[in-house]
Amino acid sequence: SEDASYILDSTKLSFPITQVDAAKTGYK
């Protein structure tokens, strides 16, 4: 009855950018 394909538009999704600490990602 309606076009809701805009819901699936992945370009409109927003994800928070998390800062990755390089010291934590190194091998220990």
PDB file of all heavy atoms in Angstrom:
ATOM      1  N   SER A   1       0.818  -1.205   0.000  1.00  0.00           N
ATOM      2  CA  SER A   1       0.000   0.000   0.000  1.00  0.00           C
ATOM      3  C   SER A   1       0.856   1.261   0.000  1.00  0.00           C
ATOM      4  O   SER A   1       0.363   2.337  -0.296  1.00  0.00           O
ATOM      5  CB  SER A   1      -0.928   0.008   1.215  1.00  0.00           C
ATOM      6  OG  SER A   1      -0.150  -0.013   2.390  1.00  0.00           O
ATOM      7  N   GLU A   2       2.121   1.140   0.330  1.00  0.00           N
ATOM      8  CA  GLU A   2       3.015   2.288   0.316  1.00  0.00           C
ATOM      9  C   GLU A   2       4.434   1.822   0.031  1.00  0.00           C
ATOM     10  O   GLU A   2       4.760   0.654   0.213  1.00  0.00           O
ATOM     11  CB  GLU A   2       2.977   3.036   1.648  1.00  0.00           C
ATOM     12  CG  GLU A   2       3.483   2.196   2.809  1.00  0.00           C
ATOM     13  CD  GLU A   2       3.402   2.929   4.129  1.00  0.00           C
ATOM     14  OE1 GLU A   2       2.292   3.229   4.561  1.00  0.00           O
ATOM     15  OE2 GLU A   2       4.462   3.195   4.699  1.00  0.00           O
ATOM     16  N   ASP A   3       5.250   2.736  -0.436  1.00  0.00           N
ATOM     17  CA  ASP A   3       6.635   2.415  -0.729  1.00  0.00           C
ATOM     18  C   ASP A   3       7.480   2.788   0.485  1.00  0.00           C
ATOM     19  O   ASP A   3       7.612   3.957   0.823  1.00  0.00           O
ATOM     20  CB  ASP A   3       7.110   3.188  -1.966  1.00  0.00           C
ATOM     21  CG  ASP A   3       8.546   2.842  -2.324  1.00  0.00           C
ATOM     22  OD1 ASP A   3       9.022   1.782  -1.901  1.00  0.00           O
ATOM     23  OD2 ASP A   3       9.181   3.646  -3.022  1.00  0.00           O
ATOM     24  N   ALA A   4       8.013   1.793   1.150  1.00  0.00           N
ATOM     25  CA  ALA A   4       8.849   2.025   2.328  1.00  0.00           C
ATOM     26  C   ALA A   4      10.279   1.562   2.072  1.00  0.00           C
ATOM     27  O   ALA A   4      11.003   1.228   2.996  1.00  0.00           O
ATOM     28  CB  ALA A   4       8.261   1.288   3.526  1.00  0.00           C
ATOM     29  N   SER A   5      10.679   1.558   0.813  1.00  0.00           N
ATOM     30  CA  SER A   5      12.027   1.099   0.490  1.00  0.00           C
ATOM     31  C   SER A   5      13.087   2.051   1.020  1.00  0.00           C
ATOM     32  O   SER A   5      14.253   1.667   1.149  1.00  0.00           O
ATOM     33  CB  SER A   5      12.181   0.924  -1.014  1.00  0.00           C
ATOM     34  OG  SER A   5      11.966   2.149  -1.673  1.00  0.00           O
ATOM     35  N   TYR A   6      12.704   3.276   1.349  1.00  0.00           N
ATOM     36  CA  TYR A   6      13.668   4.228   1.891  1.00  0.00           C
ATOM     37  C   TYR A   6      14.224   3.744   3.229  1.00  0.00           C
ATOM     38  O   TYR A   6      15.306   4.167   3.645  1.00  0.00           O
ATOM     39  CB  TYR A   6      13.031   5.609   2.057  1.00  0.00           C
ATOM     40  CG  TYR A   6      11.906   5.641   3.048  1.00  0.00           C
ATOM     41  CD1 TYR A   6      12.144   5.903   4.388  1.00  0.00           C
ATOM     42  CD2 TYR A   6      10.590   5.388   2.660  1.00  0.00           C
ATOM     43  CE1 TYR A   6      11.114   5.922   5.300  1.00  0.00           C
ATOM     44  CE2 TYR A   6       9.564   5.401   3.561  1.00  0.00           C
ATOM     45  CZ  TYR A   6       9.823   5.672   4.887  1.00  0.00           C
ATOM     46  OH  TYR A   6       8.808   5.674   5.794  1.00  0.00           O
ATOM     47  N   ILE A   7      13.496   2.886   3.891  1.00  0.00           N
ATOM     48  CA  ILE A   7      13.964   2.370   5.177  1.00  0.00           C
ATOM     49  C   ILE A   7      15.233   1.550   4.986  1.00  0.00           C
ATOM     50  O   ILE A   7      16.108   1.528   5.831  1.00  0.00           O
ATOM     51  CB  ILE A   7      12.863   1.513   5.842  1.00  0.00           C
ATOM     52  CG1 ILE A   7      11.669   2.385   6.201  1.00  0.00           C
ATOM     53  CG2 ILE A   7      13.376   0.798   7.072  1.00  0.00           C
ATOM     54  CD1 ILE A   7      10.475   1.617   6.701  1.00  0.00           C
ATOM     55  N   LEU A   8      15.340   0.902   3.843  1.00  0.00           N
ATOM     56  CA  LEU A   8      16.480   0.034   3.585  1.00  0.00           C
ATOM     57  C   LEU A   8      17.665   0.767   2.967  1.00  0.00           C
ATOM     58  O   LEU A   8      18.663   0.141   2.642  1.00  0.00           O
ATOM     59  CB  LEU A   8      16.047  -1.110   2.659  1.00  0.00           C
ATOM     60  CG  LEU A   8      14.908  -1.970   3.183  1.00  0.00           C
ATOM     61  CD1 LEU A   8      14.506  -2.990   2.133  1.00  0.00           C
ATOM     62  CD2 LEU A   8      15.307  -2.662   4.457  1.00  0.00           C
ATOM     63  N   ASP A   9      17.589   2.072   2.792  1.00  0.00           N
ATOM     64  CA  ASP A   9      18.674   2.834   2.191  1.00  0.00           C
ATOM     65  C   ASP A   9      19.837   2.913   3.173  1.00  0.00           C
ATOM     66  O   ASP A   9      19.764   3.612   4.186  1.00  0.00           O
ATOM     67  CB  ASP A   9      18.173   4.241   1.827  1.00  0.00           C
ATOM     68  CG  ASP A   9      19.207   5.012   1.040  1.00  0.00           C
ATOM     69  OD1 ASP A   9      20.244   4.431   0.669  1.00  0.00           O
ATOM     70  OD2 ASP A   9      18.970   6.208   0.780  1.00  0.00           O
ATOM     71  N   SER A  10      20.910   2.200   2.871  1.00  0.00           N
ATOM     72  CA  SER A  10      22.038   2.135   3.800  1.00  0.00           C
ATOM     73  C   SER A  10      22.847   3.424   3.828  1.00  0.00           C
ATOM     74  O   SER A  10      23.624   3.644   4.752  1.00  0.00           O
ATOM     75  CB  SER A  10      22.943   0.958   3.444  1.00  0.00           C
ATOM     76  OG  SER A  10      23.444   1.117   2.134  1.00  0.00           O
ATOM     77  N   THR A  11      22.684   4.297   2.830  1.00  0.00           N
ATOM     78  CA  THR A  11      23.425   5.561   2.841  1.00  0.00           C
ATOM     79  C   THR A  11      22.887   6.515   3.893  1.00  0.00           C
ATOM     80  O   THR A  11      23.581   7.434   4.307  1.00  0.00           O
ATOM     81  CB  THR A  11      23.363   6.243   1.458  1.00  0.00           C
ATOM     82  OG1 THR A  11      21.994   6.491   1.131  1.00  0.00           O
ATOM     83  CG2 THR A  11      23.990   5.364   0.397  1.00  0.00           C
ATOM     84  N   LYS A  12      21.674   6.302   4.329  1.00  0.00           N
ATOM     85  CA  LYS A  12      21.082   7.173   5.342  1.00  0.00           C
ATOM     86  C   LYS A  12      21.335   6.674   6.764  1.00  0.00           C
ATOM     87  O   LYS A  12      20.910   7.311   7.721  1.00  0.00           O
ATOM     88  CB  LYS A  12      19.579   7.308   5.100  1.00  0.00           C
ATOM     89  CG  LYS A  12      19.260   8.021   3.801  1.00  0.00           C
ATOM     90  CD  LYS A  12      17.792   8.201   3.622  1.00  0.00           C
ATOM     91  CE  LYS A  12      17.515   8.921   2.305  1.00  0.00           C
ATOM     92  NZ  LYS A  12      16.096   9.116   2.082  1.00  0.00           N
ATOM     93  N   LEU A  13      22.007   5.542   6.877  1.00  0.00           N
ATOM     94  CA  LEU A  13      22.321   5.021   8.202  1.00  0.00           C
ATOM     95  C   LEU A  13      23.491   5.797   8.782  1.00  0.00           C
ATOM     96  O   LEU A  13      24.407   6.196   8.068  1.00  0.00           O
ATOM     97  CB  LEU A  13      22.681   3.540   8.126  1.00  0.00           C
ATOM     98  CG  LEU A  13      21.578   2.595   7.681  1.00  0.00           C
ATOM     99  CD1 LEU A  13      22.117   1.175   7.566  1.00  0.00           C
ATOM    100  CD2 LEU A  13      20.427   2.618   8.659  1.00  0.00           C
ATOM    101  N   SER A  14      23.471   5.997  10.066  1.00  0.00           N
ATOM    102  CA  SER A  14      24.598   6.657  10.719  1.00  0.00           C
ATOM    103  C   SER A  14      25.043   5.803  11.897  1.00  0.00           C
ATOM    104  O   SER A  14      24.233   5.371  12.706  1.00  0.00           O
ATOM    105  CB  SER A  14      24.191   8.054  11.187  1.00  0.00           C
ATOM    106  OG  SER A  14      23.183   7.960  12.165  1.00  0.00           O
ATOM    107  N   PHE A  15      26.327   5.581  11.935  1.00  0.00           N
ATOM    108  CA  PHE A  15      26.912   4.810  13.015  1.00  0.00           C
ATOM    109  C   PHE A  15      27.913   5.690  13.745  1.00  0.00           C
ATOM    110  O   PHE A  15      28.676   6.424  13.115  1.00  0.00           O
ATOM    111  CB  PHE A  15      27.630   3.562  12.478  1.00  0.00           C
ATOM    112  CG  PHE A  15      26.708   2.591  11.815  1.00  0.00           C
ATOM    113  CD1 PHE A  15      26.624   2.514  10.432  1.00  0.00           C
ATOM    114  CD2 PHE A  15      25.902   1.761  12.561  1.00  0.00           C
ATOM    115  CE1 PHE A  15      25.775   1.628   9.816  1.00  0.00           C
ATOM    116  CE2 PHE A  15      25.039   0.874  11.958  1.00  0.00           C
ATOM    117  CZ  PHE A  15      24.975   0.804  10.581  1.00  0.00           C
ATOM    118  N   PRO A  16      27.945   5.629  15.044  1.00  0.00           N
ATOM    119  CA  PRO A  16      28.909   6.447  15.777  1.00  0.00           C
ATOM    120  C   PRO A  16      30.329   5.963  15.496  1.00  0.00           C
ATOM    121  O   PRO A  16      30.585   4.764  15.404  1.00  0.00           O
ATOM    122  CB  PRO A  16      28.523   6.237  17.244  1.00  0.00           C
ATOM    123  CG  PRO A  16      27.786   4.954  17.269  1.00  0.00           C
ATOM    124  CD  PRO A  16      27.116   4.833  15.932  1.00  0.00           C
ATOM    125  N   ILE A  17      31.227   6.917  15.331  1.00  0.00           N
ATOM    126  CA  ILE A  17      32.630   6.585  15.085  1.00  0.00           C
ATOM    127  C   ILE A  17      33.328   6.489  16.435  1.00  0.00           C
ATOM    128  O   ILE A  17      33.342   7.446  17.212  1.00  0.00           O
ATOM    129  CB  ILE A  17      33.303   7.655  14.208  1.00  0.00           C
ATOM    130  CG1 ILE A  17      32.597   7.720  12.857  1.00  0.00           C
ATOM    131  CG2 ILE A  17      34.782   7.376  14.051  1.00  0.00           C
ATOM    132  CD1 ILE A  17      33.045   8.862  11.983  1.00  0.00           C
ATOM    133  N   THR A  18      33.865   5.342  16.710  1.00  0.00           N
ATOM    134  CA  THR A  18      34.549   5.134  17.978  1.00  0.00           C
ATOM    135  C   THR A  18      36.046   5.272  17.760  1.00  0.00           C
ATOM    136  O   THR A  18      36.591   4.798  16.761  1.00  0.00           O
ATOM    137  CB  THR A  18      34.233   3.746  18.556  1.00  0.00           C
ATOM    138  OG1 THR A  18      34.598   2.761  17.601  1.00  0.00           O
ATOM    139  CG2 THR A  18      32.765   3.615  18.880  1.00  0.00           C
ATOM    140  N   GLN A  19      36.684   5.927  18.692  1.00  0.00           N
ATOM    141  CA  GLN A  19      38.128   6.084  18.634  1.00  0.00           C
ATOM    142  C   GLN A  19      38.777   4.820  19.175  1.00  0.00           C
ATOM    143  O   GLN A  19      38.429   4.336  20.243  1.00  0.00           O
ATOM    144  CB  GLN A  19      38.566   7.292  19.480  1.00  0.00           C
ATOM    145  CG  GLN A  19      38.004   8.610  18.986  1.00  0.00           C
ATOM    146  CD  GLN A  19      38.554   8.974  17.609  1.00  0.00           C
ATOM    147  OE1 GLN A  19      39.649   8.572  17.252  1.00  0.00           O
ATOM    148  NE2 GLN A  19      37.766   9.709  16.841  1.00  0.00           N
ATOM    149  N   VAL A  20      39.711   4.275  18.396  1.00  0.00           N
ATOM    150  CA  VAL A  20      40.396   3.055  18.793  1.00  0.00           C
ATOM    151  C   VAL A  20      41.762   3.436  19.317  1.00  0.00           C
ATOM    152  O   VAL A  20      42.539   4.115  18.640  1.00  0.00           O
ATOM    153  CB  VAL A  20      40.522   2.088  17.592  1.00  0.00           C
ATOM    154  CG1 VAL A  20      41.271   0.844  17.999  1.00  0.00           C
ATOM    155  CG2 VAL A  20      39.152   1.747  17.054  1.00  0.00           C
ATOM    156  N   ASP A  21      42.051   3.017  20.521  1.00  0.00           N
ATOM    157  CA  ASP A  21      43.350   3.292  21.116  1.00  0.00           C
ATOM    158  C   ASP A  21      44.354   2.299  20.553  1.00  0.00           C
ATOM    159  O   ASP A  21      44.207   1.081  20.704  1.00  0.00           O
ATOM    160  CB  ASP A  21      43.252   3.168  22.643  1.00  0.00           C
ATOM    161  CG  ASP A  21      44.517   3.639  23.328  1.00  0.00           C
ATOM    162  OD1 ASP A  21      45.380   4.233  22.645  1.00  0.00           O
ATOM    163  OD2 ASP A  21      44.632   3.425  24.548  1.00  0.00           O
ATOM    164  N   ALA A  22      45.382   2.795  19.883  1.00  0.00           N
ATOM    165  CA  ALA A  22      46.365   1.921  19.234  1.00  0.00           C
ATOM    166  C   ALA A  22      47.114   1.076  20.246  1.00  0.00           C
ATOM    167  O   ALA A  22      47.515  -0.054  19.949  1.00  0.00           O
ATOM    168  CB  ALA A  22      47.345   2.751  18.413  1.00  0.00           C
ATOM    169  N   ALA A  23      47.289   1.591  21.443  1.00  0.00           N
ATOM    170  CA  ALA A  23      48.013   0.828  22.463  1.00  0.00           C
ATOM    171  C   ALA A  23      47.215  -0.402  22.894  1.00  0.00           C
ATOM    172  O   ALA A  23      47.780  -1.433  23.252  1.00  0.00           O
ATOM    173  CB  ALA A  23      48.314   1.707  23.663  1.00  0.00           C
ATOM    174  N   LYS A  24      45.899  -0.308  22.850  1.00  0.00           N
ATOM    175  CA  LYS A  24      45.070  -1.438  23.276  1.00  0.00           C
ATOM    176  C   LYS A  24      44.964  -2.512  22.208  1.00  0.00           C
ATOM    177  O   LYS A  24      44.679  -3.652  22.503  1.00  0.00           O
ATOM    178  CB  LYS A  24      43.665  -0.949  23.641  1.00  0.00           C
ATOM    179  CG  LYS A  24      43.634  -0.114  24.883  1.00  0.00           C
ATOM    180  CD  LYS A  24      42.212   0.293  25.214  1.00  0.00           C
ATOM    181  CE  LYS A  24      42.176   1.130  26.468  1.00  0.00           C
ATOM    182  NZ  LYS A  24      40.832   1.550  26.806  1.00  0.00           N
ATOM    183  N   THR A  25      45.154  -2.142  20.950  1.00  0.00           N
ATOM    184  CA  THR A  25      44.990  -3.121  19.882  1.00  0.00           C
ATOM    185  C   THR A  25      46.258  -3.908  19.598  1.00  0.00           C
ATOM    186  O   THR A  25      46.222  -4.873  18.867  1.00  0.00           O
ATOM    187  CB  THR A  25      44.547  -2.426  18.582  1.00  0.00           C
ATOM    188  OG1 THR A  25      45.531  -1.469  18.216  1.00  0.00           O
ATOM    189  CG2 THR A  25      43.197  -1.756  18.755  1.00  0.00           C
ATOM    190  N   GLY A  26      47.379  -3.483  20.134  1.00  0.00           N
ATOM    191  CA  GLY A  26      48.635  -4.190  19.891  1.00  0.00           C
ATOM    192  C   GLY A  26      48.639  -5.559  20.556  1.00  0.00           C
ATOM    193  O   GLY A  26      47.839  -5.859  21.446  1.00  0.00           O
ATOM    194  N   TYR A  27      49.568  -6.378  20.129  1.00  0.00           N
ATOM    195  CA  TYR A  27      49.670  -7.729  20.691  1.00  0.00           C
ATOM    196  C   TYR A  27      50.237  -7.657  22.086  1.00  0.00           C
ATOM    197  O   TYR A  27      51.237  -6.977  22.328  1.00  0.00           O
ATOM    198  CB  TYR A  27      50.559  -8.606  19.802  1.00  0.00           C
ATOM    199  CG  TYR A  27      50.868  -9.937  20.433  1.00  0.00           C
ATOM    200  CD1 TYR A  27      49.910 -10.933  20.459  1.00  0.00           C
ATOM    201  CD2 TYR A  27      52.090 -10.182  21.022  1.00  0.00           C
ATOM    202  CE1 TYR A  27      50.171 -12.150  21.040  1.00  0.00           C
ATOM    203  CE2 TYR A  27      52.366 -11.393  21.610  1.00  0.00           C
ATOM    204  CZ  TYR A  27      51.407 -12.378  21.623  1.00  0.00           C
ATOM    205  OH  TYR A  27      51.665 -13.570  22.208  1.00  0.00           O
ATOM    206  N   LYS A  28      49.620  -8.364  22.977  1.00  0.00           N
ATOM    207  CA  LYS A  28      50.123  -8.479  24.338  1.00  0.00           C
ATOM    208  C   LYS A  28      50.187  -9.953  24.678  1.00  0.00           C
ATOM    209  O   LYS A  28      49.206 -10.677  24.548  1.00  0.00           O
ATOM    210  CB  LYS A  28      49.217  -7.750  25.309  1.00  0.00           C
ATOM    211  CG  LYS A  28      49.211  -6.259  25.056  1.00  0.00           C
ATOM    212  CD  LYS A  28      48.454  -5.514  26.089  1.00  0.00           C
ATOM    213  CE  LYS A  28      48.530  -4.043  25.716  1.00  0.00           C
ATOM    214  NZ  LYS A  28      47.810  -3.197  26.567  1.00  0.00           N
TER     215      LYS A  28
END
